[in-house]
Amino acid sequence: MVQISYNSSSIDGVGLAGHLRTHALIARTIFWHYPHYHDQGSRPARALRTGPRKYIEHYEDHRIELYDVTQDIEEHHNIANNHPNVVQEMRTKLSGWRGIVKAQMAWI
């Protein structure tokens, strides 16, 4: 792992190095916001991981994905249609976080 100096009061997050070394399940919810395209194929989306579940919302087509990553680590089986209450709960958490950090929205 790389050691760098930074102002920790300006960062929303925690260090993941210990979790990566031990493969421990992270107890905290992790949020992603990726509002742009990348030349390697990435598309605008936002996501969150909490416990065993990972929720992904695509900005282009509003497609929703939900995975239990402890059972489906390669994310091949989208279970969103089977768990509408979980989808709504995770969407609400993600929207709340986006407002708190003032994340810029994509213009598609």
N, C-alpha and C. Protein backbone atom coordinates (compact mmCIF):
# COMPACT_ATOMS: atom_id res chain seq x y z
N MET A 1 0.83 -1.17 0.00
CA MET A 1 0.00 0.00 0.00
C MET A 1 0.89 1.25 0.00
N VAL A 2 0.41 2.29 -0.63
CA VAL A 2 1.14 3.54 -0.74
C VAL A 2 0.85 4.40 0.49
N GLN A 3 1.87 5.02 1.04
CA GLN A 3 1.72 5.93 2.17
C GLN A 3 1.76 7.35 1.64
N ILE A 4 0.69 8.12 1.89
CA ILE A 4 0.65 9.52 1.48
C ILE A 4 0.16 10.36 2.64
N SER A 5 0.46 11.65 2.60
CA SER A 5 -0.03 12.60 3.59
C SER A 5 -1.24 13.31 3.01
N TYR A 6 -2.24 13.57 3.83
CA TYR A 6 -3.43 14.28 3.38
C TYR A 6 -4.16 14.87 4.58
N ASN A 7 -5.04 15.80 4.32
CA ASN A 7 -5.85 16.43 5.35
C ASN A 7 -7.08 15.57 5.55
N SER A 8 -7.12 14.78 6.61
CA SER A 8 -8.21 13.82 6.82
C SER A 8 -9.55 14.48 7.09
N SER A 9 -9.58 15.75 7.46
CA SER A 9 -10.86 16.40 7.73
C SER A 9 -11.63 16.71 6.45
N SER A 10 -10.95 16.65 5.30
CA SER A 10 -11.62 16.97 4.04
C SER A 10 -12.04 15.73 3.25
N ILE A 11 -11.90 14.55 3.85
CA ILE A 11 -12.19 13.30 3.14
C ILE A 11 -13.35 12.58 3.80
N ASP A 12 -14.30 12.15 2.96
CA ASP A 12 -15.42 11.33 3.42
C ASP A 12 -15.03 9.88 3.22
N GLY A 13 -14.56 9.24 4.26
CA GLY A 13 -14.19 7.85 4.09
C GLY A 13 -13.28 7.34 5.18
N VAL A 14 -12.91 6.09 5.04
CA VAL A 14 -11.99 5.44 5.98
C VAL A 14 -10.99 4.64 5.16
N GLY A 15 -9.87 4.31 5.78
CA GLY A 15 -8.87 3.49 5.12
C GLY A 15 -9.36 2.06 4.94
N LEU A 16 -9.12 1.49 3.78
CA LEU A 16 -9.55 0.13 3.48
C LEU A 16 -8.39 -0.87 3.50
N ALA A 17 -7.17 -0.40 3.70
CA ALA A 17 -6.00 -1.28 3.61
C ALA A 17 -6.12 -2.49 4.54
N GLY A 18 -6.52 -2.27 5.77
CA GLY A 18 -6.65 -3.38 6.71
C GLY A 18 -7.67 -4.41 6.28
N HIS A 19 -8.78 -3.95 5.73
CA HIS A 19 -9.81 -4.86 5.25
C HIS A 19 -9.33 -5.65 4.03
N LEU A 20 -8.56 -5.00 3.17
CA LEU A 20 -8.04 -5.67 1.99
C LEU A 20 -7.03 -6.75 2.37
N ARG A 21 -6.24 -6.47 3.40
CA ARG A 21 -5.23 -7.45 3.84
C ARG A 21 -5.88 -8.67 4.48
N THR A 22 -6.95 -8.46 5.25
CA THR A 22 -7.57 -9.56 6.02
C THR A 22 -8.81 -10.14 5.36
N HIS A 23 -9.29 -9.50 4.29
CA HIS A 23 -10.52 -9.91 3.60
C HIS A 23 -11.74 -9.83 4.54
N ALA A 24 -11.66 -8.97 5.54
CA ALA A 24 -12.76 -8.80 6.50
C ALA A 24 -13.91 -8.04 5.85
N LEU A 25 -15.13 -8.39 6.22
CA LEU A 25 -16.30 -7.68 5.74
C LEU A 25 -16.31 -6.28 6.36
N ILE A 26 -16.49 -5.27 5.55
CA ILE A 26 -16.48 -3.89 6.02
C ILE A 26 -17.83 -3.58 6.66
N ALA A 27 -17.80 -3.11 7.90
CA ALA A 27 -19.03 -2.87 8.65
C ALA A 27 -19.75 -1.60 8.20
N ARG A 28 -19.06 -0.71 7.59
CA ARG A 28 -19.61 0.58 7.18
C ARG A 28 -20.17 0.51 5.76
N THR A 29 -21.19 1.29 5.48
CA THR A 29 -21.71 1.40 4.12
C THR A 29 -20.72 2.17 3.26
N ILE A 30 -20.48 1.68 2.06
CA ILE A 30 -19.55 2.33 1.12
C ILE A 30 -20.36 2.85 -0.06
N PHE A 31 -20.13 4.10 -0.42
CA PHE A 31 -20.86 4.76 -1.51
C PHE A 31 -19.93 5.03 -2.69
N TRP A 32 -20.47 4.93 -3.91
CA TRP A 32 -19.76 5.29 -5.13
C TRP A 32 -20.63 6.28 -5.90
N HIS A 33 -19.98 7.22 -6.54
CA HIS A 33 -20.68 8.15 -7.44
C HIS A 33 -19.76 8.36 -8.61
N TYR A 34 -20.16 7.90 -9.79
CA TYR A 34 -19.33 7.96 -10.99
C TYR A 34 -20.17 8.60 -12.08
N PRO A 35 -20.21 9.94 -12.16
CA PRO A 35 -21.16 10.63 -13.03
C PRO A 35 -20.68 10.88 -14.46
N HIS A 36 -19.70 10.12 -14.94
CA HIS A 36 -19.16 10.42 -16.28
C HIS A 36 -18.74 9.13 -17.00
N TYR A 37 -18.40 9.32 -18.25
CA TYR A 37 -17.92 8.22 -19.08
C TYR A 37 -16.40 8.13 -18.98
N HIS A 38 -15.87 6.98 -19.29
CA HIS A 38 -14.42 6.79 -19.31
C HIS A 38 -14.08 6.02 -20.57
N ASP A 39 -12.93 6.32 -21.15
CA ASP A 39 -12.57 5.70 -22.43
C ASP A 39 -12.32 4.19 -22.34
N GLN A 40 -12.33 3.63 -21.15
CA GLN A 40 -12.17 2.19 -20.99
C GLN A 40 -13.52 1.48 -20.83
N GLY A 41 -14.60 2.21 -21.09
CA GLY A 41 -15.91 1.59 -21.11
C GLY A 41 -16.82 1.87 -19.93
N SER A 42 -16.35 2.57 -18.92
CA SER A 42 -17.19 2.87 -17.76
C SER A 42 -18.32 3.81 -18.15
N ARG A 43 -19.46 3.61 -17.55
CA ARG A 43 -20.65 4.41 -17.80
C ARG A 43 -21.08 5.10 -16.51
N PRO A 44 -21.81 6.22 -16.61
CA PRO A 44 -22.26 6.94 -15.41
C PRO A 44 -23.18 6.08 -14.55
N ALA A 45 -22.86 6.00 -13.26
CA ALA A 45 -23.66 5.21 -12.32
C ALA A 45 -23.34 5.64 -10.90
N ARG A 46 -24.15 5.16 -10.00
CA ARG A 46 -23.87 5.33 -8.58
C ARG A 46 -24.18 4.00 -7.91
N ALA A 47 -23.57 3.77 -6.76
CA ALA A 47 -23.74 2.48 -6.11
C ALA A 47 -23.50 2.60 -4.62
N LEU A 48 -23.91 1.58 -3.91
CA LEU A 48 -23.55 1.46 -2.50
C LEU A 48 -23.43 0.00 -2.14
N ARG A 49 -22.59 -0.25 -1.17
CA ARG A 49 -22.40 -1.59 -0.63
C ARG A 49 -22.62 -1.49 0.86
N THR A 50 -23.55 -2.30 1.35
CA THR A 50 -23.80 -2.35 2.79
C THR A 50 -24.02 -3.81 3.16
N GLY A 51 -23.24 -4.28 4.12
CA GLY A 51 -23.31 -5.69 4.48
C GLY A 51 -23.02 -6.55 3.27
N PRO A 52 -23.84 -7.57 3.04
CA PRO A 52 -23.60 -8.47 1.91
C PRO A 52 -24.16 -7.97 0.59
N ARG A 53 -24.85 -6.84 0.60
CA ARG A 53 -25.55 -6.39 -0.61
C ARG A 53 -24.87 -5.21 -1.29
N LYS A 54 -24.93 -5.23 -2.62
CA LYS A 54 -24.41 -4.13 -3.44
C LYS A 54 -25.53 -3.70 -4.39
N TYR A 55 -25.81 -2.41 -4.39
CA TYR A 55 -26.86 -1.81 -5.20
C TYR A 55 -26.20 -0.89 -6.23
N ILE A 56 -26.60 -1.00 -7.49
CA ILE A 56 -26.05 -0.16 -8.55
C ILE A 56 -27.21 0.47 -9.32
N GLU A 57 -27.12 1.76 -9.57
CA GLU A 57 -28.14 2.49 -10.33
C GLU A 57 -27.43 3.18 -11.50
N HIS A 58 -27.83 2.82 -12.71
CA HIS A 58 -27.21 3.37 -13.92
C HIS A 58 -27.95 4.65 -14.33
N TYR A 59 -27.18 5.72 -14.57
CA TYR A 59 -27.78 7.01 -14.92
C TYR A 59 -28.40 7.02 -16.32
N GLU A 60 -27.78 6.34 -17.27
CA GLU A 60 -28.26 6.40 -18.66
C GLU A 60 -29.67 5.86 -18.83
N ASP A 61 -29.90 4.66 -18.33
CA ASP A 61 -31.18 3.98 -18.58
C ASP A 61 -31.96 3.69 -17.30
N HIS A 62 -31.48 4.18 -16.17
CA HIS A 62 -32.13 4.00 -14.86
C HIS A 62 -32.25 2.53 -14.46
N ARG A 63 -31.41 1.70 -15.06
CA ARG A 63 -31.39 0.28 -14.73
C ARG A 63 -30.87 0.11 -13.30
N ILE A 64 -31.47 -0.84 -12.57
CA ILE A 64 -31.12 -1.12 -11.18
C ILE A 64 -30.55 -2.53 -11.09
N GLU A 65 -29.50 -2.67 -10.31
CA GLU A 65 -28.93 -3.98 -10.04
C GLU A 65 -28.77 -4.13 -8.53
N LEU A 66 -29.02 -5.34 -8.04
CA LEU A 66 -28.83 -5.66 -6.63
C LEU A 66 -28.20 -7.04 -6.56
N TYR A 67 -27.14 -7.16 -5.79
CA TYR A 67 -26.43 -8.42 -5.66
C TYR A 67 -26.17 -8.73 -4.19
N ASP A 68 -26.17 -10.01 -3.86
CA ASP A 68 -25.65 -10.47 -2.58
C ASP A 68 -24.24 -10.95 -2.88
N VAL A 69 -23.26 -10.11 -2.60
CA VAL A 69 -21.90 -10.40 -3.03
C VAL A 69 -21.24 -11.50 -2.22
N THR A 70 -21.83 -11.91 -1.11
CA THR A 70 -21.29 -13.06 -0.40
C THR A 70 -21.68 -14.36 -1.09
N GLN A 71 -22.80 -14.34 -1.82
CA GLN A 71 -23.26 -15.52 -2.55
C GLN A 71 -22.94 -15.45 -4.05
N ASP A 72 -22.73 -14.24 -4.56
CA ASP A 72 -22.56 -14.01 -6.00
C ASP A 72 -21.45 -12.97 -6.20
N ILE A 73 -20.22 -13.35 -5.90
CA ILE A 73 -19.11 -12.40 -5.92
C ILE A 73 -18.85 -11.82 -7.31
N GLU A 74 -19.21 -12.55 -8.37
CA GLU A 74 -18.98 -12.05 -9.73
C GLU A 74 -20.16 -11.22 -10.25
N GLU A 75 -21.19 -11.07 -9.44
CA GLU A 75 -22.36 -10.24 -9.77
C GLU A 75 -23.01 -10.66 -11.08
N HIS A 76 -23.35 -11.93 -11.15
CA HIS A 76 -24.02 -12.48 -12.34
C HIS A 76 -25.54 -12.56 -12.17
N HIS A 77 -26.03 -12.56 -10.92
CA HIS A 77 -27.45 -12.79 -10.65
C HIS A 77 -28.08 -11.57 -9.98
N ASN A 78 -28.69 -10.72 -10.80
CA ASN A 78 -29.34 -9.51 -10.32
C ASN A 78 -30.62 -9.92 -9.57
N ILE A 79 -30.69 -9.61 -8.29
CA ILE A 79 -31.84 -10.01 -7.47
C ILE A 79 -32.76 -8.84 -7.15
N ALA A 80 -32.62 -7.72 -7.87
CA ALA A 80 -33.40 -6.51 -7.59
C ALA A 80 -34.91 -6.77 -7.66
N ASN A 81 -35.37 -7.52 -8.66
CA ASN A 81 -36.81 -7.77 -8.80
C ASN A 81 -37.38 -8.59 -7.66
N ASN A 82 -36.54 -9.36 -6.98
CA ASN A 82 -36.99 -10.20 -5.87
C ASN A 82 -37.01 -9.47 -4.54
N HIS A 83 -36.43 -8.28 -4.48
CA HIS A 83 -36.29 -7.55 -3.21
C HIS A 83 -36.60 -6.06 -3.38
N PRO A 84 -37.86 -5.72 -3.75
CA PRO A 84 -38.19 -4.31 -3.99
C PRO A 84 -38.02 -3.43 -2.75
N ASN A 85 -38.25 -3.97 -1.56
CA ASN A 85 -38.08 -3.17 -0.34
C ASN A 85 -36.62 -2.83 -0.09
N VAL A 86 -35.73 -3.77 -0.37
CA VAL A 86 -34.29 -3.53 -0.21
C VAL A 86 -33.84 -2.49 -1.24
N VAL A 87 -34.32 -2.62 -2.47
CA VAL A 87 -33.98 -1.65 -3.52
C VAL A 87 -34.39 -0.25 -3.09
N GLN A 88 -35.60 -0.09 -2.59
CA GLN A 88 -36.07 1.23 -2.17
C GLN A 88 -35.26 1.78 -1.00
N GLU A 89 -34.94 0.92 -0.04
CA GLU A 89 -34.14 1.35 1.11
C GLU A 89 -32.75 1.81 0.67
N MET A 90 -32.13 1.07 -0.22
CA MET A 90 -30.79 1.42 -0.67
C MET A 90 -30.81 2.66 -1.55
N ARG A 91 -31.83 2.81 -2.38
CA ARG A 91 -31.97 4.02 -3.20
C ARG A 91 -32.10 5.25 -2.30
N THR A 92 -32.88 5.14 -1.24
CA THR A 92 -33.06 6.25 -0.30
C THR A 92 -31.75 6.60 0.40
N LYS A 93 -31.00 5.59 0.84
CA LYS A 93 -29.70 5.84 1.48
C LYS A 93 -28.74 6.54 0.52
N LEU A 94 -28.71 6.05 -0.72
CA LEU A 94 -27.79 6.61 -1.71
C LEU A 94 -28.16 8.05 -2.05
N SER A 95 -29.44 8.34 -2.19
CA SER A 95 -29.88 9.71 -2.47
C SER A 95 -29.55 10.64 -1.31
N GLY A 96 -29.75 10.16 -0.09
CA GLY A 96 -29.42 10.96 1.09
C GLY A 96 -27.94 11.29 1.16
N TRP A 97 -27.10 10.30 0.91
CA TRP A 97 -25.66 10.50 0.92
C TRP A 97 -25.24 11.49 -0.16
N ARG A 98 -25.82 11.34 -1.35
CA ARG A 98 -25.48 12.24 -2.45
C ARG A 98 -25.77 13.69 -2.07
N GLY A 99 -26.87 13.91 -1.37
CA GLY A 99 -27.21 15.26 -0.92
C GLY A 99 -26.24 15.79 0.12
N ILE A 100 -25.84 14.93 1.04
CA ILE A 100 -24.92 15.34 2.10
C ILE A 100 -23.57 15.76 1.54
N VAL A 101 -23.04 14.98 0.58
CA VAL A 101 -21.71 15.29 0.03
C VAL A 101 -21.78 16.23 -1.17
N LYS A 102 -23.01 16.62 -1.55
CA LYS A 102 -23.22 17.52 -2.67
C LYS A 102 -22.58 17.00 -3.96
N ALA A 103 -22.80 15.72 -4.23
CA ALA A 103 -22.25 15.10 -5.43
C ALA A 103 -22.89 15.68 -6.68
N GLN A 104 -22.08 15.98 -7.66
CA GLN A 104 -22.55 16.53 -8.93
C GLN A 104 -23.32 15.45 -9.70
N MET A 105 -24.41 15.81 -10.31
CA MET A 105 -25.20 14.86 -11.10
C MET A 105 -24.72 14.87 -12.55
N ALA A 106 -24.91 13.74 -13.18
CA ALA A 106 -24.55 13.60 -14.59
C ALA A 106 -25.58 14.27 -15.47
N TRP A 107 -25.13 14.82 -16.58
CA TRP A 107 -26.02 15.40 -17.60
C TRP A 107 -25.93 14.51 -18.81
N ILE A 108 -26.92 13.65 -18.97
CA ILE A 108 -26.92 12.70 -20.07
C ILE A 108 -28.00 13.04 -21.06
